Amino acid sequence: MLGQIGGGGRGGSNVGSVSKPVRVVVGEDDVLMREGIVRLLIEAGFDVVSQAGDAEAFLRKALAHKPDVAVVDIQMPPGRSDDGLRAALELRRLLPETGVLVLSQYYEESYALDLIGDSAEGVGYLLKERVGDVERVQGCRCPRRERGQRSRSRGGGPHARAPSS
């Protein structure tokens, strides 16, 4: 089992962390919120590879960068309704190995259920008031990373278990 993902940031521990930081694309139209999220992620050891202020740019950048995780606000331009959620759903369809965390100002059960769809693996729904709880985000498992670790382990890579005697 993986330890903290991206735990090498300020005040973090490298014990149990993956060798490369988790790559993240952030989509949030509120500049202050976006910059705050990016700063928290970087300080926690994540690699923020791109950011976007509208749903169309978010999807375009996420598809181009193929991040491990995408963090996106539900309500974004151009329509300011559920454009971010629709972009997240399209990203899941096109890159199912990418984890998706959607942010919302309010809890809306239908949004969460739409995102989960047939499988809850690799998805999350977070209220914006909890964004600063980086320890909780660091403890999340990243399906793409775990699959990579398992495949390297089978091949005798750095995470392979020694045979028991």
N, C-alpha and C. Protein backbone atom coordinates (compact mmCIF):
# COMPACT_ATOMS: atom_id res chain seq x y z
N MET A 1 0.84 -1.18 0.00
CA MET A 1 0.00 0.00 0.00
C MET A 1 0.88 1.24 0.00
N LEU A 2 0.48 2.23 -0.73
CA LEU A 2 1.25 3.47 -0.80
C LEU A 2 1.07 4.29 0.46
N GLY A 3 2.11 5.03 0.82
CA GLY A 3 2.00 5.98 1.92
C GLY A 3 1.44 7.27 1.37
N GLN A 4 1.81 8.37 2.00
CA GLN A 4 1.30 9.65 1.53
C GLN A 4 1.80 9.91 0.12
N ILE A 5 0.92 10.44 -0.69
CA ILE A 5 1.31 10.82 -2.04
C ILE A 5 1.71 12.28 -1.98
N GLY A 6 2.90 12.57 -2.45
CA GLY A 6 3.35 13.96 -2.48
C GLY A 6 3.69 14.48 -1.10
N GLY A 7 4.08 13.61 -0.18
CA GLY A 7 4.32 14.02 1.20
C GLY A 7 5.63 14.75 1.41
N GLY A 8 6.34 15.11 0.38
CA GLY A 8 7.63 15.75 0.54
C GLY A 8 7.59 17.25 0.66
N GLY A 9 6.42 17.85 0.79
CA GLY A 9 6.32 19.30 0.88
C GLY A 9 6.71 19.81 2.25
N ARG A 10 6.50 21.09 2.50
CA ARG A 10 6.83 21.69 3.78
C ARG A 10 6.16 20.95 4.91
N GLY A 11 6.96 20.59 5.90
CA GLY A 11 6.42 19.93 7.06
C GLY A 11 6.02 18.50 6.79
N GLY A 12 6.19 18.03 5.55
CA GLY A 12 5.80 16.67 5.19
C GLY A 12 6.95 15.71 5.40
N SER A 13 6.67 14.48 5.21
CA SER A 13 7.67 13.43 5.37
C SER A 13 7.80 12.69 4.06
N ASN A 14 9.02 12.34 3.70
CA ASN A 14 9.23 11.58 2.48
C ASN A 14 9.05 10.09 2.71
N VAL A 15 8.87 9.68 3.96
CA VAL A 15 8.71 8.27 4.26
C VAL A 15 7.45 7.76 3.58
N GLY A 16 7.57 6.74 2.76
CA GLY A 16 6.43 6.13 2.10
C GLY A 16 5.90 6.90 0.91
N SER A 17 6.54 7.99 0.51
CA SER A 17 6.02 8.75 -0.63
C SER A 17 6.50 8.12 -1.93
N VAL A 18 5.78 8.40 -3.01
CA VAL A 18 6.18 7.89 -4.31
C VAL A 18 7.38 8.69 -4.79
N SER A 19 8.13 8.10 -5.72
CA SER A 19 9.37 8.74 -6.16
C SER A 19 9.14 10.01 -6.96
N LYS A 20 8.10 10.06 -7.75
CA LYS A 20 7.79 11.26 -8.53
C LYS A 20 6.53 11.89 -7.97
N PRO A 21 6.47 13.23 -7.94
CA PRO A 21 5.26 13.86 -7.42
C PRO A 21 4.06 13.59 -8.33
N VAL A 22 2.89 13.59 -7.73
CA VAL A 22 1.65 13.41 -8.46
C VAL A 22 1.41 14.65 -9.32
N ARG A 23 1.14 14.43 -10.61
CA ARG A 23 0.91 15.52 -11.56
C ARG A 23 -0.57 15.91 -11.52
N VAL A 24 -0.82 17.23 -11.40
CA VAL A 24 -2.18 17.73 -11.21
C VAL A 24 -2.48 18.86 -12.19
N VAL A 25 -3.71 18.87 -12.72
CA VAL A 25 -4.24 20.01 -13.46
C VAL A 25 -5.40 20.56 -12.63
N VAL A 26 -5.43 21.90 -12.48
CA VAL A 26 -6.44 22.55 -11.66
C VAL A 26 -7.32 23.42 -12.55
N GLY A 27 -8.64 23.28 -12.40
CA GLY A 27 -9.61 24.11 -13.10
C GLY A 27 -10.50 24.82 -12.09
N GLU A 28 -10.37 26.13 -12.01
CA GLU A 28 -11.16 26.95 -11.07
C GLU A 28 -11.23 28.36 -11.65
N ASP A 29 -12.44 28.92 -11.74
CA ASP A 29 -12.57 30.24 -12.35
C ASP A 29 -12.25 31.38 -11.40
N ASP A 30 -12.38 31.20 -10.11
CA ASP A 30 -12.04 32.23 -9.14
C ASP A 30 -10.52 32.25 -8.97
N VAL A 31 -9.89 33.34 -9.41
CA VAL A 31 -8.42 33.41 -9.43
C VAL A 31 -7.82 33.21 -8.04
N LEU A 32 -8.39 33.86 -7.03
CA LEU A 32 -7.84 33.71 -5.67
C LEU A 32 -7.96 32.27 -5.18
N MET A 33 -9.08 31.65 -5.42
CA MET A 33 -9.28 30.25 -5.01
C MET A 33 -8.31 29.35 -5.77
N ARG A 34 -8.19 29.56 -7.09
CA ARG A 34 -7.29 28.74 -7.90
C ARG A 34 -5.85 28.87 -7.43
N GLU A 35 -5.41 30.11 -7.23
CA GLU A 35 -4.04 30.31 -6.77
C GLU A 35 -3.81 29.70 -5.39
N GLY A 36 -4.82 29.78 -4.54
CA GLY A 36 -4.71 29.17 -3.21
C GLY A 36 -4.61 27.66 -3.29
N ILE A 37 -5.42 27.04 -4.13
CA ILE A 37 -5.37 25.59 -4.32
C ILE A 37 -4.02 25.17 -4.86
N VAL A 38 -3.56 25.88 -5.88
CA VAL A 38 -2.26 25.57 -6.49
C VAL A 38 -1.15 25.68 -5.44
N ARG A 39 -1.17 26.74 -4.65
CA ARG A 39 -0.14 26.93 -3.63
C ARG A 39 -0.16 25.79 -2.61
N LEU A 40 -1.36 25.43 -2.15
CA LEU A 40 -1.47 24.33 -1.18
C LEU A 40 -0.93 23.02 -1.77
N LEU A 41 -1.27 22.75 -3.01
CA LEU A 41 -0.81 21.52 -3.65
C LEU A 41 0.71 21.51 -3.81
N ILE A 42 1.27 22.61 -4.28
CA ILE A 42 2.72 22.69 -4.48
C ILE A 42 3.44 22.54 -3.14
N GLU A 43 2.96 23.22 -2.12
CA GLU A 43 3.59 23.12 -0.81
C GLU A 43 3.50 21.71 -0.23
N ALA A 44 2.48 20.96 -0.65
CA ALA A 44 2.32 19.59 -0.18
C ALA A 44 3.11 18.60 -1.04
N GLY A 45 3.81 19.09 -2.07
CA GLY A 45 4.67 18.23 -2.87
C GLY A 45 4.07 17.74 -4.18
N PHE A 46 2.89 18.24 -4.55
CA PHE A 46 2.29 17.87 -5.82
C PHE A 46 2.91 18.70 -6.94
N ASP A 47 2.86 18.20 -8.17
CA ASP A 47 3.38 18.89 -9.34
C ASP A 47 2.19 19.42 -10.14
N VAL A 48 1.88 20.70 -9.98
CA VAL A 48 0.77 21.31 -10.72
C VAL A 48 1.30 21.65 -12.10
N VAL A 49 0.86 20.88 -13.10
CA VAL A 49 1.39 21.02 -14.46
C VAL A 49 0.63 22.03 -15.29
N SER A 50 -0.61 22.37 -14.89
CA SER A 50 -1.38 23.36 -15.65
C SER A 50 -2.57 23.81 -14.81
N GLN A 51 -3.09 25.00 -15.17
CA GLN A 51 -4.29 25.53 -14.52
C GLN A 51 -5.14 26.22 -15.57
N ALA A 52 -6.45 26.26 -15.28
CA ALA A 52 -7.38 26.86 -16.24
C ALA A 52 -8.49 27.59 -15.49
N GLY A 53 -9.03 28.62 -16.14
CA GLY A 53 -10.10 29.41 -15.54
C GLY A 53 -11.47 29.16 -16.11
N ASP A 54 -11.58 28.28 -17.11
CA ASP A 54 -12.90 27.91 -17.63
C ASP A 54 -12.89 26.42 -17.99
N ALA A 55 -14.07 25.85 -18.12
CA ALA A 55 -14.21 24.42 -18.31
C ALA A 55 -13.58 23.93 -19.62
N GLU A 56 -13.72 24.70 -20.68
CA GLU A 56 -13.16 24.28 -21.97
C GLU A 56 -11.64 24.23 -21.92
N ALA A 57 -11.03 25.25 -21.33
CA ALA A 57 -9.56 25.27 -21.20
C ALA A 57 -9.09 24.17 -20.26
N PHE A 58 -9.86 23.92 -19.19
CA PHE A 58 -9.51 22.84 -18.27
C PHE A 58 -9.45 21.50 -19.00
N LEU A 59 -10.49 21.18 -19.76
CA LEU A 59 -10.53 19.90 -20.45
C LEU A 59 -9.41 19.81 -21.47
N ARG A 60 -9.19 20.86 -22.23
CA ARG A 60 -8.13 20.89 -23.23
C ARG A 60 -6.76 20.65 -22.57
N LYS A 61 -6.49 21.34 -21.47
CA LYS A 61 -5.19 21.20 -20.79
C LYS A 61 -5.05 19.84 -20.12
N ALA A 62 -6.12 19.34 -19.55
CA ALA A 62 -6.06 18.02 -18.91
C ALA A 62 -5.78 16.93 -19.96
N LEU A 63 -6.41 17.03 -21.10
CA LEU A 63 -6.17 16.04 -22.16
C LEU A 63 -4.74 16.16 -22.70
N ALA A 64 -4.22 17.36 -22.78
CA ALA A 64 -2.86 17.56 -23.29
C ALA A 64 -1.80 17.07 -22.29
N HIS A 65 -2.00 17.34 -20.99
CA HIS A 65 -0.99 17.01 -19.98
C HIS A 65 -1.14 15.61 -19.40
N LYS A 66 -2.32 15.00 -19.54
CA LYS A 66 -2.60 13.67 -19.01
C LYS A 66 -2.10 13.54 -17.56
N PRO A 67 -2.67 14.35 -16.65
CA PRO A 67 -2.22 14.34 -15.26
C PRO A 67 -2.65 13.06 -14.53
N ASP A 68 -2.07 12.85 -13.36
CA ASP A 68 -2.51 11.75 -12.50
C ASP A 68 -3.86 12.11 -11.89
N VAL A 69 -4.03 13.40 -11.57
CA VAL A 69 -5.24 13.88 -10.91
C VAL A 69 -5.65 15.22 -11.52
N ALA A 70 -6.95 15.41 -11.65
CA ALA A 70 -7.50 16.70 -12.08
C ALA A 70 -8.42 17.21 -10.98
N VAL A 71 -8.24 18.47 -10.61
CA VAL A 71 -9.08 19.13 -9.61
C VAL A 71 -9.86 20.21 -10.34
N VAL A 72 -11.20 20.16 -10.23
CA VAL A 72 -12.01 21.09 -11.02
C VAL A 72 -13.24 21.54 -10.26
N ASP A 73 -13.55 22.82 -10.39
CA ASP A 73 -14.77 23.40 -9.82
C ASP A 73 -15.96 22.96 -10.67
N ILE A 74 -17.08 22.68 -10.02
CA ILE A 74 -18.27 22.27 -10.75
C ILE A 74 -18.82 23.42 -11.59
N GLN A 75 -18.96 24.59 -11.00
CA GLN A 75 -19.56 25.73 -11.70
C GLN A 75 -18.47 26.62 -12.25
N MET A 76 -18.31 26.59 -13.56
CA MET A 76 -17.28 27.37 -14.23
C MET A 76 -17.84 27.98 -15.50
N PRO A 77 -17.16 29.00 -16.02
CA PRO A 77 -17.52 29.51 -17.34
C PRO A 77 -17.26 28.42 -18.38
N PRO A 78 -17.87 28.45 -19.52
CA PRO A 78 -18.57 29.61 -20.04
C PRO A 78 -20.00 29.74 -19.52
N GLY A 79 -20.68 28.67 -19.16
CA GLY A 79 -22.09 28.76 -18.78
C GLY A 79 -22.34 29.06 -17.32
N ARG A 80 -21.34 28.86 -16.47
CA ARG A 80 -21.44 29.07 -15.03
C ARG A 80 -22.52 28.22 -14.38
N SER A 81 -22.84 27.08 -14.99
CA SER A 81 -23.77 26.16 -14.34
C SER A 81 -22.95 24.95 -13.91
N ASP A 82 -23.07 23.86 -14.62
CA ASP A 82 -22.31 22.67 -14.27
C ASP A 82 -21.23 22.36 -15.32
N ASP A 83 -20.68 23.39 -15.93
CA ASP A 83 -19.70 23.21 -17.01
C ASP A 83 -18.46 22.45 -16.53
N GLY A 84 -18.00 22.74 -15.32
CA GLY A 84 -16.83 22.04 -14.78
C GLY A 84 -17.12 20.57 -14.57
N LEU A 85 -18.31 20.26 -14.07
CA LEU A 85 -18.70 18.87 -13.87
C LEU A 85 -18.77 18.14 -15.21
N ARG A 86 -19.35 18.78 -16.21
CA ARG A 86 -19.43 18.15 -17.53
C ARG A 86 -18.04 17.91 -18.12
N ALA A 87 -17.12 18.86 -17.89
CA ALA A 87 -15.73 18.67 -18.34
C ALA A 87 -15.08 17.50 -17.60
N ALA A 88 -15.36 17.39 -16.29
CA ALA A 88 -14.82 16.28 -15.49
C ALA A 88 -15.35 14.94 -15.98
N LEU A 89 -16.63 14.89 -16.30
CA LEU A 89 -17.22 13.65 -16.82
C LEU A 89 -16.60 13.27 -18.16
N GLU A 90 -16.39 14.25 -19.01
CA GLU A 90 -15.75 13.99 -20.31
C GLU A 90 -14.31 13.53 -20.12
N LEU A 91 -13.60 14.13 -19.18
CA LEU A 91 -12.24 13.70 -18.88
C LEU A 91 -12.22 12.26 -18.39
N ARG A 92 -13.13 11.90 -17.52
CA ARG A 92 -13.21 10.51 -17.04
C ARG A 92 -13.48 9.55 -18.20
N ARG A 93 -14.32 9.98 -19.14
CA ARG A 93 -14.63 9.12 -20.29
C ARG A 93 -13.41 8.93 -21.18
N LEU A 94 -12.66 10.01 -21.42
CA LEU A 94 -11.52 9.97 -22.33
C LEU A 94 -10.23 9.47 -21.67
N LEU A 95 -10.04 9.76 -20.39
CA LEU A 95 -8.84 9.34 -19.65
C LEU A 95 -9.27 8.71 -18.33
N PRO A 96 -9.84 7.51 -18.37
CA PRO A 96 -10.37 6.91 -17.14
C PRO A 96 -9.31 6.64 -16.08
N GLU A 97 -8.04 6.63 -16.45
CA GLU A 97 -6.98 6.40 -15.48
C GLU A 97 -6.65 7.65 -14.67
N THR A 98 -7.19 8.80 -15.05
CA THR A 98 -6.95 10.05 -14.34
C THR A 98 -7.94 10.19 -13.20
N GLY A 99 -7.41 10.42 -12.00
CA GLY A 99 -8.28 10.68 -10.86
C GLY A 99 -8.90 12.06 -11.00
N VAL A 100 -10.15 12.21 -10.56
CA VAL A 100 -10.85 13.49 -10.68
C VAL A 100 -11.43 13.87 -9.32
N LEU A 101 -11.09 15.08 -8.89
CA LEU A 101 -11.65 15.64 -7.66
C LEU A 101 -12.42 16.90 -8.05
N VAL A 102 -13.73 16.90 -7.83
CA VAL A 102 -14.53 18.08 -8.14
C VAL A 102 -14.76 18.88 -6.86
N LEU A 103 -14.75 20.19 -7.03
CA LEU A 103 -14.96 21.12 -5.92
C LEU A 103 -16.31 21.79 -6.08
N SER A 104 -16.97 21.99 -4.95
CA SER A 104 -18.27 22.65 -5.01
C SER A 104 -18.45 23.56 -3.80
N GLN A 105 -19.16 24.64 -4.01
CA GLN A 105 -19.49 25.55 -2.91
C GLN A 105 -20.55 24.91 -2.01
N TYR A 106 -21.43 24.12 -2.60
CA TYR A 106 -22.53 23.49 -1.86
C TYR A 106 -22.58 22.01 -2.19
N TYR A 107 -23.06 21.22 -1.23
CA TYR A 107 -23.23 19.80 -1.48
C TYR A 107 -24.46 19.60 -2.36
N GLU A 108 -24.26 18.94 -3.47
CA GLU A 108 -25.36 18.63 -4.39
C GLU A 108 -25.23 17.15 -4.74
N GLU A 109 -26.11 16.33 -4.16
CA GLU A 109 -26.02 14.88 -4.31
C GLU A 109 -26.02 14.44 -5.78
N SER A 110 -26.83 15.07 -6.61
CA SER A 110 -26.90 14.64 -8.01
C SER A 110 -25.57 14.82 -8.72
N TYR A 111 -24.81 15.90 -8.39
CA TYR A 111 -23.50 16.10 -9.00
C TYR A 111 -22.55 14.97 -8.61
N ALA A 112 -22.56 14.64 -7.33
CA ALA A 112 -21.68 13.58 -6.85
C ALA A 112 -22.04 12.25 -7.52
N LEU A 113 -23.33 11.96 -7.64
CA LEU A 113 -23.75 10.70 -8.26
C LEU A 113 -23.40 10.67 -9.74
N ASP A 114 -23.54 11.80 -10.44
CA ASP A 114 -23.15 11.87 -11.85
C ASP A 114 -21.67 11.56 -12.02
N LEU A 115 -20.87 12.13 -11.14
CA LEU A 115 -19.42 11.94 -11.22
C LEU A 115 -19.04 10.49 -10.94
N ILE A 116 -19.64 9.90 -9.93
CA ILE A 116 -19.31 8.52 -9.56
C ILE A 116 -19.71 7.56 -10.68
N GLY A 117 -20.88 7.76 -11.26
CA GLY A 117 -21.33 6.91 -12.35
C GLY A 117 -21.33 5.45 -11.97
N ASP A 118 -20.67 4.62 -12.78
CA ASP A 118 -20.62 3.18 -12.53
C ASP A 118 -19.54 2.78 -11.55
N SER A 119 -18.57 3.66 -11.30
CA SER A 119 -17.45 3.31 -10.43
C SER A 119 -16.97 4.53 -9.66
N ALA A 120 -16.76 4.35 -8.36
CA ALA A 120 -16.27 5.44 -7.52
C ALA A 120 -14.74 5.49 -7.50
N GLU A 121 -14.08 4.54 -8.17
CA GLU A 121 -12.63 4.51 -8.17
C GLU A 121 -12.06 5.75 -8.86
N GLY A 122 -11.17 6.43 -8.14
CA GLY A 122 -10.47 7.57 -8.73
C GLY A 122 -11.25 8.86 -8.80
N VAL A 123 -12.37 8.97 -8.06
CA VAL A 123 -13.13 10.22 -8.07
C VAL A 123 -13.36 10.70 -6.65
N GLY A 124 -13.55 12.01 -6.53
CA GLY A 124 -13.86 12.59 -5.23
C GLY A 124 -14.67 13.85 -5.40
N TYR A 125 -15.40 14.21 -4.35
CA TYR A 125 -16.24 15.40 -4.31
C TYR A 125 -15.88 16.12 -3.03
N LEU A 126 -15.43 17.36 -3.14
CA LEU A 126 -14.96 18.09 -1.97
C LEU A 126 -15.61 19.46 -1.92
N LEU A 127 -16.15 19.80 -0.75
CA LEU A 127 -16.67 21.14 -0.55
C LEU A 127 -15.50 22.11 -0.47
N LYS A 128 -15.64 23.27 -1.06
CA LYS A 128 -14.54 24.25 -1.09
C LYS A 128 -14.09 24.64 0.30
N GLU A 129 -14.98 24.62 1.26
CA GLU A 129 -14.58 24.98 2.62
C GLU A 129 -13.57 24.00 3.20
N ARG A 130 -13.39 22.82 2.58
CA ARG A 130 -12.45 21.82 3.06
C ARG A 130 -11.15 21.78 2.26
N VAL A 131 -10.98 22.67 1.30
CA VAL A 131 -9.81 22.65 0.43
C VAL A 131 -8.51 22.75 1.22
N GLY A 132 -8.49 23.50 2.29
CA GLY A 132 -7.26 23.68 3.08
C GLY A 132 -6.85 22.45 3.85
N ASP A 133 -7.67 21.41 3.87
CA ASP A 133 -7.37 20.19 4.61
C ASP A 133 -6.48 19.28 3.76
N VAL A 134 -5.23 19.74 3.53
CA VAL A 134 -4.31 19.05 2.62
C VAL A 134 -3.97 17.66 3.13
N GLU A 135 -3.91 17.47 4.45
CA GLU A 135 -3.59 16.14 4.98
C GLU A 135 -4.59 15.11 4.48
N ARG A 136 -5.86 15.50 4.40
CA ARG A 136 -6.88 14.58 3.91
C ARG A 136 -6.64 14.26 2.43
N VAL A 137 -6.28 15.27 1.64
CA VAL A 137 -6.01 15.06 0.22
C VAL A 137 -4.76 14.21 0.04
N GLN A 138 -3.72 14.45 0.85
CA GLN A 138 -2.49 13.68 0.74
C GLN A 138 -2.73 12.21 1.01
N GLY A 139 -3.69 11.89 1.85
CA GLY A 139 -3.96 10.50 2.19
C GLY A 139 -4.74 9.77 1.12
N CYS A 140 -5.23 10.48 0.10
CA CYS A 140 -6.00 9.85 -0.97
C CYS A 140 -5.11 8.95 -1.81
N ARG A 141 -5.69 7.88 -2.29
CA ARG A 141 -4.95 6.98 -3.15
C ARG A 141 -5.13 7.43 -4.59
N CYS A 142 -4.10 7.25 -5.36
CA CYS A 142 -4.12 7.62 -6.77
C CYS A 142 -4.12 6.34 -7.58
N PRO A 143 -5.24 5.97 -8.22
CA PRO A 143 -5.31 4.69 -8.94
C PRO A 143 -4.23 4.51 -9.99
N ARG A 144 -3.91 5.57 -10.76
CA ARG A 144 -2.89 5.45 -11.81
C ARG A 144 -1.55 5.09 -11.17
N ARG A 145 -1.20 5.76 -10.09
CA ARG A 145 0.07 5.50 -9.40
C ARG A 145 0.09 4.09 -8.83
N GLU A 146 -1.03 3.65 -8.24
CA GLU A 146 -1.07 2.32 -7.64
C GLU A 146 -0.91 1.24 -8.70
N ARG A 147 -1.56 1.42 -9.85
CA ARG A 147 -1.41 0.43 -10.92
C ARG A 147 0.03 0.37 -11.38
N GLY A 148 0.68 1.54 -11.50
CA GLY A 148 2.08 1.59 -11.90
C GLY A 148 2.98 0.92 -10.89
N GLN A 149 2.71 1.11 -9.61
CA GLN A 149 3.51 0.50 -8.56
C GLN A 149 3.35 -1.02 -8.62
N ARG A 150 2.11 -1.49 -8.78
CA ARG A 150 1.88 -2.94 -8.83
C ARG A 150 2.58 -3.57 -10.02
N SER A 151 2.53 -2.91 -11.19
CA SER A 151 3.16 -3.51 -12.36
C SER A 151 4.68 -3.52 -12.21
N ARG A 152 5.26 -2.49 -11.59
CA ARG A 152 6.71 -2.50 -11.35
C ARG A 152 7.05 -3.58 -10.32
N SER A 153 6.18 -3.76 -9.34
CA SER A 153 6.45 -4.76 -8.31
C SER A 153 6.50 -6.16 -8.91
N ARG A 154 5.62 -6.44 -9.84
CA ARG A 154 5.62 -7.76 -10.48
C ARG A 154 6.91 -7.99 -11.25
N GLY A 155 7.48 -6.92 -11.77
CA GLY A 155 8.70 -7.05 -12.58
C GLY A 155 9.97 -6.98 -11.74
N GLY A 156 9.86 -6.98 -10.42
CA GLY A 156 11.05 -6.94 -9.59
C GLY A 156 11.63 -5.55 -9.45
N GLY A 157 10.82 -4.52 -9.69
CA GLY A 157 11.28 -3.14 -9.59
C GLY A 157 11.54 -2.74 -8.15
N PRO A 158 11.71 -1.46 -7.91
CA PRO A 158 12.11 -0.97 -6.59
C PRO A 158 11.08 -1.25 -5.49
N HIS A 159 9.83 -1.55 -5.84
CA HIS A 159 8.82 -1.78 -4.82
C HIS A 159 8.47 -3.25 -4.69
N ALA A 160 9.24 -4.12 -5.32
CA ALA A 160 8.95 -5.55 -5.25
C ALA A 160 9.20 -6.05 -3.83
N ARG A 161 8.35 -6.97 -3.39
CA ARG A 161 8.52 -7.55 -2.07
C ARG A 161 9.52 -8.69 -2.14
N ALA A 162 10.29 -8.79 -1.08
CA ALA A 162 11.23 -9.91 -1.00
C ALA A 162 10.46 -11.17 -0.70
N PRO A 163 10.88 -12.30 -1.25
CA PRO A 163 10.17 -13.54 -0.97
C PRO A 163 10.26 -13.85 0.52
N SER A 164 9.14 -14.34 1.08
CA SER A 164 9.15 -14.68 2.50
C SER A 164 9.82 -16.04 2.70
N SER A 165 10.54 -16.16 3.83
CA SER A 165 11.26 -17.42 4.07
C SER A 165 10.52 -18.33 4.99
